């Protein structure tokens, strides 16, 4: 009886996930025109506990898509603009010296960096040296950060979305194969078609400001992630995946 109830609960959870997925897409559609496949894969990655690398030329709304997703979900969001002079401590955080005004005592306090968020946008990740890239990639793999001699566990869910420009390669640091493996999806954003471009021009030349509603919180996302992990995978599917 308990097993039957558990199956029913999992089925109900999947049905709720389907409904929530449609609501998320509906809210994103208020801002983003087209890119249906990219949106679908972003949500698959989110609920499968993966990370995404999004590649596309400037002007295709990569950053806007990610920030819109963050606004729709009731999660903490941070953006890191990767530049050649970015340091690992700019990502993970740094120690600062503070003085207690009442006692005059001084002590170091760790100020957490932008990686301590649920959704992290790593904008133009290939603009910064490998040493700095590694600071983020470690957090992606381990879901924790080591800094100031301590280890800090990142709050779940933890979802990294990195962007990359494929045409301007001068002064960039391409991600090595081992680091690319940290991403579940490598997504290429293409140009919108003619009708989508017309819709984009109409929306960007009007005074309409879409009002987005928050659809899902962290606890609900974690529940859906756990449900997805319980879905069995057939042996022939595993064999096919390994042979690829």
C-alpha atoms as a PDB file:
ATOM      1  CA  UNK A   1       0.000   0.000   0.000  1.00  0.00           C
ATOM      2  CA  UNK A   2       2.835   2.366   0.887  1.00  0.00           C
ATOM      3  CA  UNK A   3       4.603   1.562  -2.404  1.00  0.00           C
ATOM      4  CA  UNK A   4       1.384   2.273  -4.307  1.00  0.00           C
ATOM      5  CA  UNK A   5       0.970   5.641  -2.569  1.00  0.00           C
ATOM      6  CA  UNK A   6       4.590   6.472  -3.324  1.00  0.00           C
ATOM      7  CA  UNK A   7       4.054   5.753  -7.039  1.00  0.00           C
ATOM      8  CA  UNK A   8       0.942   7.924  -6.990  1.00  0.00           C
ATOM      9  CA  UNK A   9       2.882  10.727  -5.292  1.00  0.00           C
ATOM     10  CA  UNK A  10       5.641  10.510  -7.906  1.00  0.00           C
ATOM     11  CA  UNK A  11       3.047  10.566 -10.688  1.00  0.00           C
ATOM     12  CA  UNK A  12       1.379  13.598  -9.126  1.00  0.00           C
ATOM     13  CA  UNK A  13       4.761  15.281  -8.794  1.00  0.00           C
ATOM     14  CA  UNK A  14       5.514  14.697 -12.494  1.00  0.00           C
ATOM     15  CA  UNK A  15       2.113  16.105 -13.420  1.00  0.00           C
ATOM     16  CA  UNK A  16       2.801  19.186 -11.304  1.00  0.00           C
ATOM     17  CA  UNK A  17       6.224  19.500 -12.948  1.00  0.00           C
ATOM     18  CA  UNK A  18       4.585  19.456 -16.376  1.00  0.00           C
ATOM     19  CA  UNK A  19       2.152  22.203 -15.353  1.00  0.00           C
ATOM     20  CA  UNK A  20       4.925  24.281 -13.757  1.00  0.00           C
ATOM     21  CA  UNK A  21       7.092  23.861 -16.844  1.00  0.00           C
ATOM     22  CA  UNK A  22       4.309  25.276 -19.015  1.00  0.00           C
ATOM     23  CA  UNK A  23       3.867  28.215 -16.628  1.00  0.00           C
ATOM     24  CA  UNK A  24       7.608  28.991 -16.710  1.00  0.00           C
ATOM     25  CA  UNK A  25       7.604  28.939 -20.517  1.00  0.00           C
ATOM     26  CA  UNK A  26       4.527  31.189 -20.578  1.00  0.00           C
ATOM     27  CA  UNK A  27       6.255  33.791 -18.392  1.00  0.00           C
ATOM     28  CA  UNK A  28       9.508  33.636 -20.395  1.00  0.00           C
ATOM     29  CA  UNK A  29       7.490  34.115 -23.605  1.00  0.00           C
ATOM     30  CA  UNK A  30       6.434  37.549 -22.303  1.00  0.00           C
ATOM     31  CA  UNK A  31      10.036  38.681 -22.841  1.00  0.00           C
ATOM     32  CA  UNK A  32      11.745  36.225 -25.206  1.00  0.00           C
ATOM     33  CA  UNK A  33      10.488  35.687 -28.757  1.00  0.00           C
ATOM     34  CA  UNK A  34      11.381  32.380 -30.412  1.00  0.00           C
ATOM     35  CA  UNK A  35      14.246  30.155 -29.147  1.00  0.00           C
ATOM     36  CA  UNK A  36      11.800  27.416 -28.089  1.00  0.00           C
ATOM     37  CA  UNK A  37      14.400  24.633 -28.278  1.00  0.00           C
ATOM     38  CA  UNK A  38      16.895  26.619 -26.179  1.00  0.00           C
ATOM     39  CA  UNK A  39      14.254  27.311 -23.508  1.00  0.00           C
ATOM     40  CA  UNK A  40      13.288  23.624 -23.387  1.00  0.00           C
ATOM     41  CA  UNK A  41      16.910  22.527 -22.956  1.00  0.00           C
ATOM     42  CA  UNK A  42      17.552  25.135 -20.265  1.00  0.00           C
ATOM     43  CA  UNK A  43      14.645  23.786 -18.237  1.00  0.00           C
ATOM     44  CA  UNK A  44      15.745  20.170 -18.793  1.00  0.00           C
ATOM     45  CA  UNK A  45      19.180  21.101 -17.475  1.00  0.00           C
ATOM     46  CA  UNK A  46      17.723  22.926 -14.462  1.00  0.00           C
ATOM     47  CA  UNK A  47      15.522  20.023 -13.368  1.00  0.00           C
ATOM     48  CA  UNK A  48      18.283  17.470 -14.093  1.00  0.00           C
ATOM     49  CA  UNK A  49      20.818  19.297 -11.881  1.00  0.00           C
ATOM     50  CA  UNK A  50      23.049  20.215 -14.806  1.00  0.00           C
ATOM     51  CA  UNK A  51      24.720  23.386 -16.068  1.00  0.00           C
ATOM     52  CA  UNK A  52      24.549  25.035 -19.504  1.00  0.00           C
ATOM     53  CA  UNK A  53      27.057  26.716 -21.805  1.00  0.00           C
ATOM     54  CA  UNK A  54      25.256  28.985 -24.268  1.00  0.00           C
ATOM     55  CA  UNK A  55      27.149  30.011 -27.405  1.00  0.00           C
ATOM     56  CA  UNK A  56      25.968  32.685 -29.817  1.00  0.00           C
ATOM     57  CA  UNK A  57      26.916  35.961 -31.446  1.00  0.00           C
ATOM     58  CA  UNK A  58      26.071  39.231 -29.637  1.00  0.00           C
ATOM     59  CA  UNK A  59      22.516  40.491 -29.823  1.00  0.00           C
ATOM     60  CA  UNK A  60      20.659  37.166 -29.636  1.00  0.00           C
ATOM     61  CA  UNK A  61      19.325  37.761 -26.092  1.00  0.00           C
ATOM     62  CA  UNK A  62      21.485  35.169 -24.323  1.00  0.00           C
ATOM     63  CA  UNK A  63      21.851  37.301 -21.198  1.00  0.00           C
ATOM     64  CA  UNK A  64      18.225  38.472 -21.346  1.00  0.00           C
ATOM     65  CA  UNK A  65      16.982  34.882 -21.535  1.00  0.00           C
ATOM     66  CA  UNK A  66      18.968  33.845 -18.461  1.00  0.00           C
ATOM     67  CA  UNK A  67      18.002  36.894 -16.396  1.00  0.00           C
ATOM     68  CA  UNK A  68      14.344  36.370 -17.367  1.00  0.00           C
ATOM     69  CA  UNK A  69      14.485  32.746 -16.195  1.00  0.00           C
ATOM     70  CA  UNK A  70      15.928  33.942 -12.883  1.00  0.00           C
ATOM     71  CA  UNK A  71      13.116  36.483 -12.480  1.00  0.00           C
ATOM     72  CA  UNK A  72      10.467  33.829 -13.121  1.00  0.00           C
ATOM     73  CA  UNK A  73      11.948  31.501 -10.489  1.00  0.00           C
ATOM     74  CA  UNK A  74      11.937  32.638  -6.862  1.00  0.00           C
ATOM     75  CA  UNK A  75      15.701  32.129  -6.531  1.00  0.00           C
ATOM     76  CA  UNK A  76      18.751  34.214  -5.720  1.00  0.00           C
ATOM     77  CA  UNK A  77      20.443  35.359  -8.937  1.00  0.00           C
ATOM     78  CA  UNK A  78      23.884  36.814  -9.569  1.00  0.00           C
ATOM     79  CA  UNK A  79      25.801  37.810 -12.672  1.00  0.00           C
ATOM     80  CA  UNK A  80      29.571  37.666 -13.147  1.00  0.00           C
ATOM     81  CA  UNK A  81      31.016  39.580 -16.101  1.00  0.00           C
ATOM     82  CA  UNK A  82      34.200  37.714 -16.983  1.00  0.00           C
ATOM     83  CA  UNK A  83      37.118  39.960 -17.968  1.00  0.00           C
ATOM     84  CA  UNK A  84      40.887  39.378 -18.374  1.00  0.00           C
ATOM     85  CA  UNK A  85      41.614  40.980 -14.981  1.00  0.00           C
ATOM     86  CA  UNK A  86      38.956  39.061 -13.022  1.00  0.00           C
ATOM     87  CA  UNK A  87      40.435  37.256 -10.002  1.00  0.00           C
ATOM     88  CA  UNK A  88      39.236  34.003  -8.357  1.00  0.00           C
ATOM     89  CA  UNK A  89      38.356  35.972  -5.206  1.00  0.00           C
ATOM     90  CA  UNK A  90      36.019  38.138  -7.308  1.00  0.00           C
ATOM     91  CA  UNK A  91      33.964  34.975  -7.803  1.00  0.00           C
ATOM     92  CA  UNK A  92      34.268  33.094  -4.525  1.00  0.00           C
ATOM     93  CA  UNK A  93      34.652  36.013  -2.123  1.00  0.00           C
ATOM     94  CA  UNK A  94      37.381  37.538   0.016  1.00  0.00           C
ATOM     95  CA  UNK A  95      38.316  38.242   3.624  1.00  0.00           C
ATOM     96  CA  UNK A  96      37.827  41.784   4.887  1.00  0.00           C
ATOM     97  CA  UNK A  97      39.135  43.311   8.108  1.00  0.00           C
ATOM     98  CA  UNK A  98      36.413  44.622  10.399  1.00  0.00           C
ATOM     99  CA  UNK A  99      36.665  46.543  13.646  1.00  0.00           C
ATOM    100  CA  UNK A 100      34.176  46.227  16.487  1.00  0.00           C
ATOM    101  CA  UNK A 101      33.467  49.869  17.368  1.00  0.00           C
ATOM    102  CA  UNK A 102      32.425  48.996  20.936  1.00  0.00           C
ATOM    103  CA  UNK A 103      35.530  46.978  21.865  1.00  0.00           C
ATOM    104  CA  UNK A 104      38.062  48.139  19.295  1.00  0.00           C
ATOM    105  CA  UNK A 105      38.860  44.533  18.400  1.00  0.00           C
ATOM    106  CA  UNK A 106      39.673  43.740  14.785  1.00  0.00           C
ATOM    107  CA  UNK A 107      38.890  40.479  13.034  1.00  0.00           C
ATOM    108  CA  UNK A 108      38.660  39.092   9.530  1.00  0.00           C
ATOM    109  CA  UNK A 109      35.254  38.290   8.072  1.00  0.00           C
ATOM    110  CA  UNK A 110      34.657  36.340   4.875  1.00  0.00           C
ATOM    111  CA  UNK A 111      32.506  38.280   2.421  1.00  0.00           C
ATOM    112  CA  UNK A 112      30.812  35.823   0.086  1.00  0.00           C
ATOM    113  CA  UNK A 113      31.193  36.400  -3.639  1.00  0.00           C
ATOM    114  CA  UNK A 114      28.579  36.199  -6.427  1.00  0.00           C
ATOM    115  CA  UNK A 115      28.965  32.410  -6.753  1.00  0.00           C
ATOM    116  CA  UNK A 116      26.853  32.116  -3.578  1.00  0.00           C
ATOM    117  CA  UNK A 117      23.555  32.206  -5.444  1.00  0.00           C
ATOM    118  CA  UNK A 118      21.074  29.708  -6.861  1.00  0.00           C
ATOM    119  CA  UNK A 119      21.402  30.840 -10.479  1.00  0.00           C
ATOM    120  CA  UNK A 120      24.777  32.200 -11.579  1.00  0.00           C
ATOM    121  CA  UNK A 121      25.247  33.856 -14.970  1.00  0.00           C
ATOM    122  CA  UNK A 122      28.877  33.591 -16.104  1.00  0.00           C
ATOM    123  CA  UNK A 123      28.872  36.124 -18.926  1.00  0.00           C
ATOM    124  CA  UNK A 124      31.586  35.593 -21.576  1.00  0.00           C
ATOM    125  CA  UNK A 125      33.336  32.931 -19.506  1.00  0.00           C
ATOM    126  CA  UNK A 126      36.150  32.589 -22.059  1.00  0.00           C
ATOM    127  CA  UNK A 127      37.297  36.189 -21.449  1.00  0.00           C
ATOM    128  CA  UNK A 128      39.135  35.311 -18.242  1.00  0.00           C
ATOM    129  CA  UNK A 129      42.291  33.200 -17.624  1.00  0.00           C
ATOM    130  CA  UNK A 130      42.023  29.471 -16.714  1.00  0.00           C
ATOM    131  CA  UNK A 131      42.937  30.140 -13.068  1.00  0.00           C
ATOM    132  CA  UNK A 132      39.830  32.266 -12.630  1.00  0.00           C
ATOM    133  CA  UNK A 133      37.660  29.935 -14.717  1.00  0.00           C
ATOM    134  CA  UNK A 134      38.676  27.107 -12.375  1.00  0.00           C
ATOM    135  CA  UNK A 135      37.248  28.945  -9.355  1.00  0.00           C
ATOM    136  CA  UNK A 136      33.769  28.733 -10.872  1.00  0.00           C
ATOM    137  CA  UNK A 137      34.181  25.282 -12.379  1.00  0.00           C
ATOM    138  CA  UNK A 138      35.166  23.829  -8.981  1.00  0.00           C
ATOM    139  CA  UNK A 139      31.944  25.187  -7.507  1.00  0.00           C
ATOM    140  CA  UNK A 140      29.984  23.689 -10.416  1.00  0.00           C
ATOM    141  CA  UNK A 141      31.422  20.233  -9.825  1.00  0.00           C
ATOM    142  CA  UNK A 142      31.520  20.075  -6.029  1.00  0.00           C
ATOM    143  CA  UNK A 143      28.700  22.510  -5.130  1.00  0.00           C
ATOM    144  CA  UNK A 144      31.042  23.965  -2.543  1.00  0.00           C
ATOM    145  CA  UNK A 145      33.700  26.667  -2.300  1.00  0.00           C
ATOM    146  CA  UNK A 146      37.015  26.564  -0.465  1.00  0.00           C
ATOM    147  CA  UNK A 147      38.201  30.016   0.572  1.00  0.00           C
ATOM    148  CA  UNK A 148      40.005  31.596   3.513  1.00  0.00           C
ATOM    149  CA  UNK A 149      40.896  28.133   4.799  1.00  0.00           C
ATOM    150  CA  UNK A 150      37.251  27.085   5.081  1.00  0.00           C
ATOM    151  CA  UNK A 151      34.829  25.093   2.987  1.00  0.00           C
ATOM    152  CA  UNK A 152      31.417  26.604   2.303  1.00  0.00           C
ATOM    153  CA  UNK A 153      28.555  24.491   0.952  1.00  0.00           C
ATOM    154  CA  UNK A 154      26.487  26.232  -1.718  1.00  0.00           C
ATOM    155  CA  UNK A 155      22.733  26.405  -1.292  1.00  0.00           C
ATOM    156  CA  UNK A 156      20.655  24.174  -3.538  1.00  0.00           C
ATOM    157  CA  UNK A 157      19.521  24.365  -6.235  1.00  0.00           C
ATOM    158  CA  UNK A 158      22.763  25.581  -7.814  1.00  0.00           C
ATOM    159  CA  UNK A 159      22.581  26.274 -11.542  1.00  0.00           C
ATOM    160  CA  UNK A 160      25.333  27.868 -13.658  1.00  0.00           C
ATOM    161  CA  UNK A 161      24.598  29.351 -17.078  1.00  0.00           C
ATOM    162  CA  UNK A 162      27.689  30.476 -18.972  1.00  0.00           C
ATOM    163  CA  UNK A 163      27.766  32.419 -22.239  1.00  0.00           C
ATOM    164  CA  UNK A 164      30.409  32.551 -24.932  1.00  0.00           C
ATOM    165  CA  UNK A 165      30.886  34.564 -28.140  1.00  0.00           C
ATOM    166  CA  UNK A 166      32.063  32.242 -30.963  1.00  0.00           C
ATOM    167  CA  UNK A 167      33.406  34.881 -33.375  1.00  0.00           C
ATOM    168  CA  UNK A 168      35.544  37.248 -31.291  1.00  0.00           C
ATOM    169  CA  UNK A 169      38.359  34.945 -30.190  1.00  0.00           C
ATOM    170  CA  UNK A 170      41.147  37.504 -29.821  1.00  0.00           C
ATOM    171  CA  UNK A 171      42.232  37.777 -26.194  1.00  0.00           C
ATOM    172  CA  UNK A 172      40.081  34.842 -25.088  1.00  0.00           C
ATOM    173  CA  UNK A 173      40.876  31.655 -23.182  1.00  0.00           C
ATOM    174  CA  UNK A 174      38.960  28.690 -24.667  1.00  0.00           C
ATOM    175  CA  UNK A 175      37.624  26.231 -22.116  1.00  0.00           C
ATOM    176  CA  UNK A 176      39.600  22.944 -22.099  1.00  0.00           C
ATOM    177  CA  UNK A 177      37.771  19.687 -22.811  1.00  0.00           C
ATOM    178  CA  UNK A 178      37.865  18.668 -19.137  1.00  0.00           C
ATOM    179  CA  UNK A 179      36.153  21.906 -18.123  1.00  0.00           C
ATOM    180  CA  UNK A 180      33.570  21.650 -20.903  1.00  0.00           C
ATOM    181  CA  UNK A 181      32.537  18.307 -19.371  1.00  0.00           C
ATOM    182  CA  UNK A 182      31.153  20.206 -16.357  1.00  0.00           C
ATOM    183  CA  UNK A 183      28.303  21.433 -18.571  1.00  0.00           C
ATOM    184  CA  UNK A 184      25.357  19.167 -19.326  1.00  0.00           C
ATOM    185  CA  UNK A 185      24.429  21.118 -22.473  1.00  0.00           C
ATOM    186  CA  UNK A 186      26.424  23.091 -25.021  1.00  0.00           C
ATOM    187  CA  UNK A 187      23.687  25.186 -26.641  1.00  0.00           C
ATOM    188  CA  UNK A 188      24.065  27.201 -29.838  1.00  0.00           C
ATOM    189  CA  UNK A 189      21.636  30.100 -30.161  1.00  0.00           C
ATOM    190  CA  UNK A 190      20.688  30.825 -33.758  1.00  0.00           C
ATOM    191  CA  UNK A 191      19.182  33.878 -35.427  1.00  0.00           C
ATOM    192  CA  UNK A 192      15.402  34.370 -35.236  1.00  0.00           C
ATOM    193  CA  UNK A 193      13.392  33.881 -38.414  1.00  0.00           C
ATOM    194  CA  UNK A 194      11.769  36.743 -40.340  1.00  0.00           C
ATOM    195  CA  UNK A 195       8.439  36.726 -38.487  1.00  0.00           C
ATOM    196  CA  UNK A 196      10.189  36.518 -35.119  1.00  0.00           C
ATOM    197  CA  UNK A 197      12.366  39.503 -36.043  1.00  0.00           C
ATOM    198  CA  UNK A 198       9.240  41.506 -36.859  1.00  0.00           C
ATOM    199  CA  UNK A 199       7.794  40.630 -33.444  1.00  0.00           C
ATOM    200  CA  UNK A 200      11.082  41.570 -31.753  1.00  0.00           C
ATOM    201  CA  UNK A 201      11.155  44.972 -33.468  1.00  0.00           C
ATOM    202  CA  UNK A 202       7.536  45.645 -32.474  1.00  0.00           C
ATOM    203  CA  UNK A 203       8.146  44.707 -28.843  1.00  0.00           C
ATOM    204  CA  UNK A 204      11.378  46.711 -28.494  1.00  0.00           C
ATOM    205  CA  UNK A 205       9.953  49.888 -30.042  1.00  0.00           C
ATOM    206  CA  UNK A 206       6.902  50.102 -27.779  1.00  0.00           C
ATOM    207  CA  UNK A 207       6.524  51.229 -24.166  1.00  0.00           C
ATOM    208  CA  UNK A 208       5.152  47.854 -23.058  1.00  0.00           C
ATOM    209  CA  UNK A 209       6.894  46.465 -19.962  1.00  0.00           C
ATOM    210  CA  UNK A 210       5.984  42.824 -19.253  1.00  0.00           C
ATOM    211  CA  UNK A 211       5.069  41.955 -15.676  1.00  0.00           C
ATOM    212  CA  UNK A 212       6.586  38.603 -14.761  1.00  0.00           C
ATOM    213  CA  UNK A 213       5.156  36.336 -12.069  1.00  0.00           C
ATOM    214  CA  UNK A 214       7.314  34.049  -9.955  1.00  0.00           C
ATOM    215  CA  UNK A 215       6.286  30.490 -10.713  1.00  0.00           C
ATOM    216  CA  UNK A 216       8.451  28.259  -8.529  1.00  0.00           C
ATOM    217  CA  UNK A 217      10.636  28.439  -5.411  1.00  0.00           C
ATOM    218  CA  UNK A 218      13.781  26.544  -4.381  1.00  0.00           C
ATOM    219  CA  UNK A 219      11.955  23.883  -2.355  1.00  0.00           C
ATOM    220  CA  UNK A 220       9.647  23.016  -5.254  1.00  0.00           C
ATOM    221  CA  UNK A 221      12.574  22.777  -7.687  1.00  0.00           C
ATOM    222  CA  UNK A 222      14.450  20.418  -5.350  1.00  0.00           C
ATOM    223  CA  UNK A 223      11.340  18.222  -5.057  1.00  0.00           C
ATOM    224  CA  UNK A 224      11.040  18.000  -8.837  1.00  0.00           C
ATOM    225  CA  UNK A 225      14.764  17.257  -9.174  1.00  0.00           C
ATOM    226  CA  UNK A 226      14.423  14.368  -6.713  1.00  0.00           C
ATOM    227  CA  UNK A 227      11.419  13.015  -8.618  1.00  0.00           C
ATOM    228  CA  UNK A 228      13.296  13.063 -11.919  1.00  0.00           C
ATOM    229  CA  UNK A 229      16.216  11.170 -10.364  1.00  0.00           C
ATOM    230  CA  UNK A 230      13.806   8.331  -9.518  1.00  0.00           C
ATOM    231  CA  UNK A 231      12.773   7.782 -13.147  1.00  0.00           C
ATOM    232  CA  UNK A 232      14.211   4.417 -14.300  1.00  0.00           C
ATOM    233  CA  UNK A 233      16.281   4.270 -17.487  1.00  0.00           C
ATOM    234  CA  UNK A 234      15.980   1.240 -19.771  1.00  0.00           C
ATOM    235  CA  UNK A 235      19.148  -0.784 -20.395  1.00  0.00           C
ATOM    236  CA  UNK A 236      18.988  -0.258 -24.167  1.00  0.00           C
ATOM    237  CA  UNK A 237      18.913   3.516 -23.627  1.00  0.00           C
ATOM    238  CA  UNK A 238      21.984   3.305 -21.377  1.00  0.00           C
ATOM    239  CA  UNK A 239      23.776   1.130 -23.972  1.00  0.00           C
ATOM    240  CA  UNK A 240      22.971   3.640 -26.713  1.00  0.00           C
ATOM    241  CA  UNK A 241      24.197   6.580 -24.602  1.00  0.00           C
ATOM    242  CA  UNK A 242      27.488   4.842 -23.762  1.00  0.00           C
ATOM    243  CA  UNK A 243      28.111   3.975 -27.427  1.00  0.00           C
ATOM    244  CA  UNK A 244      27.745   7.591 -28.571  1.00  0.00           C
END
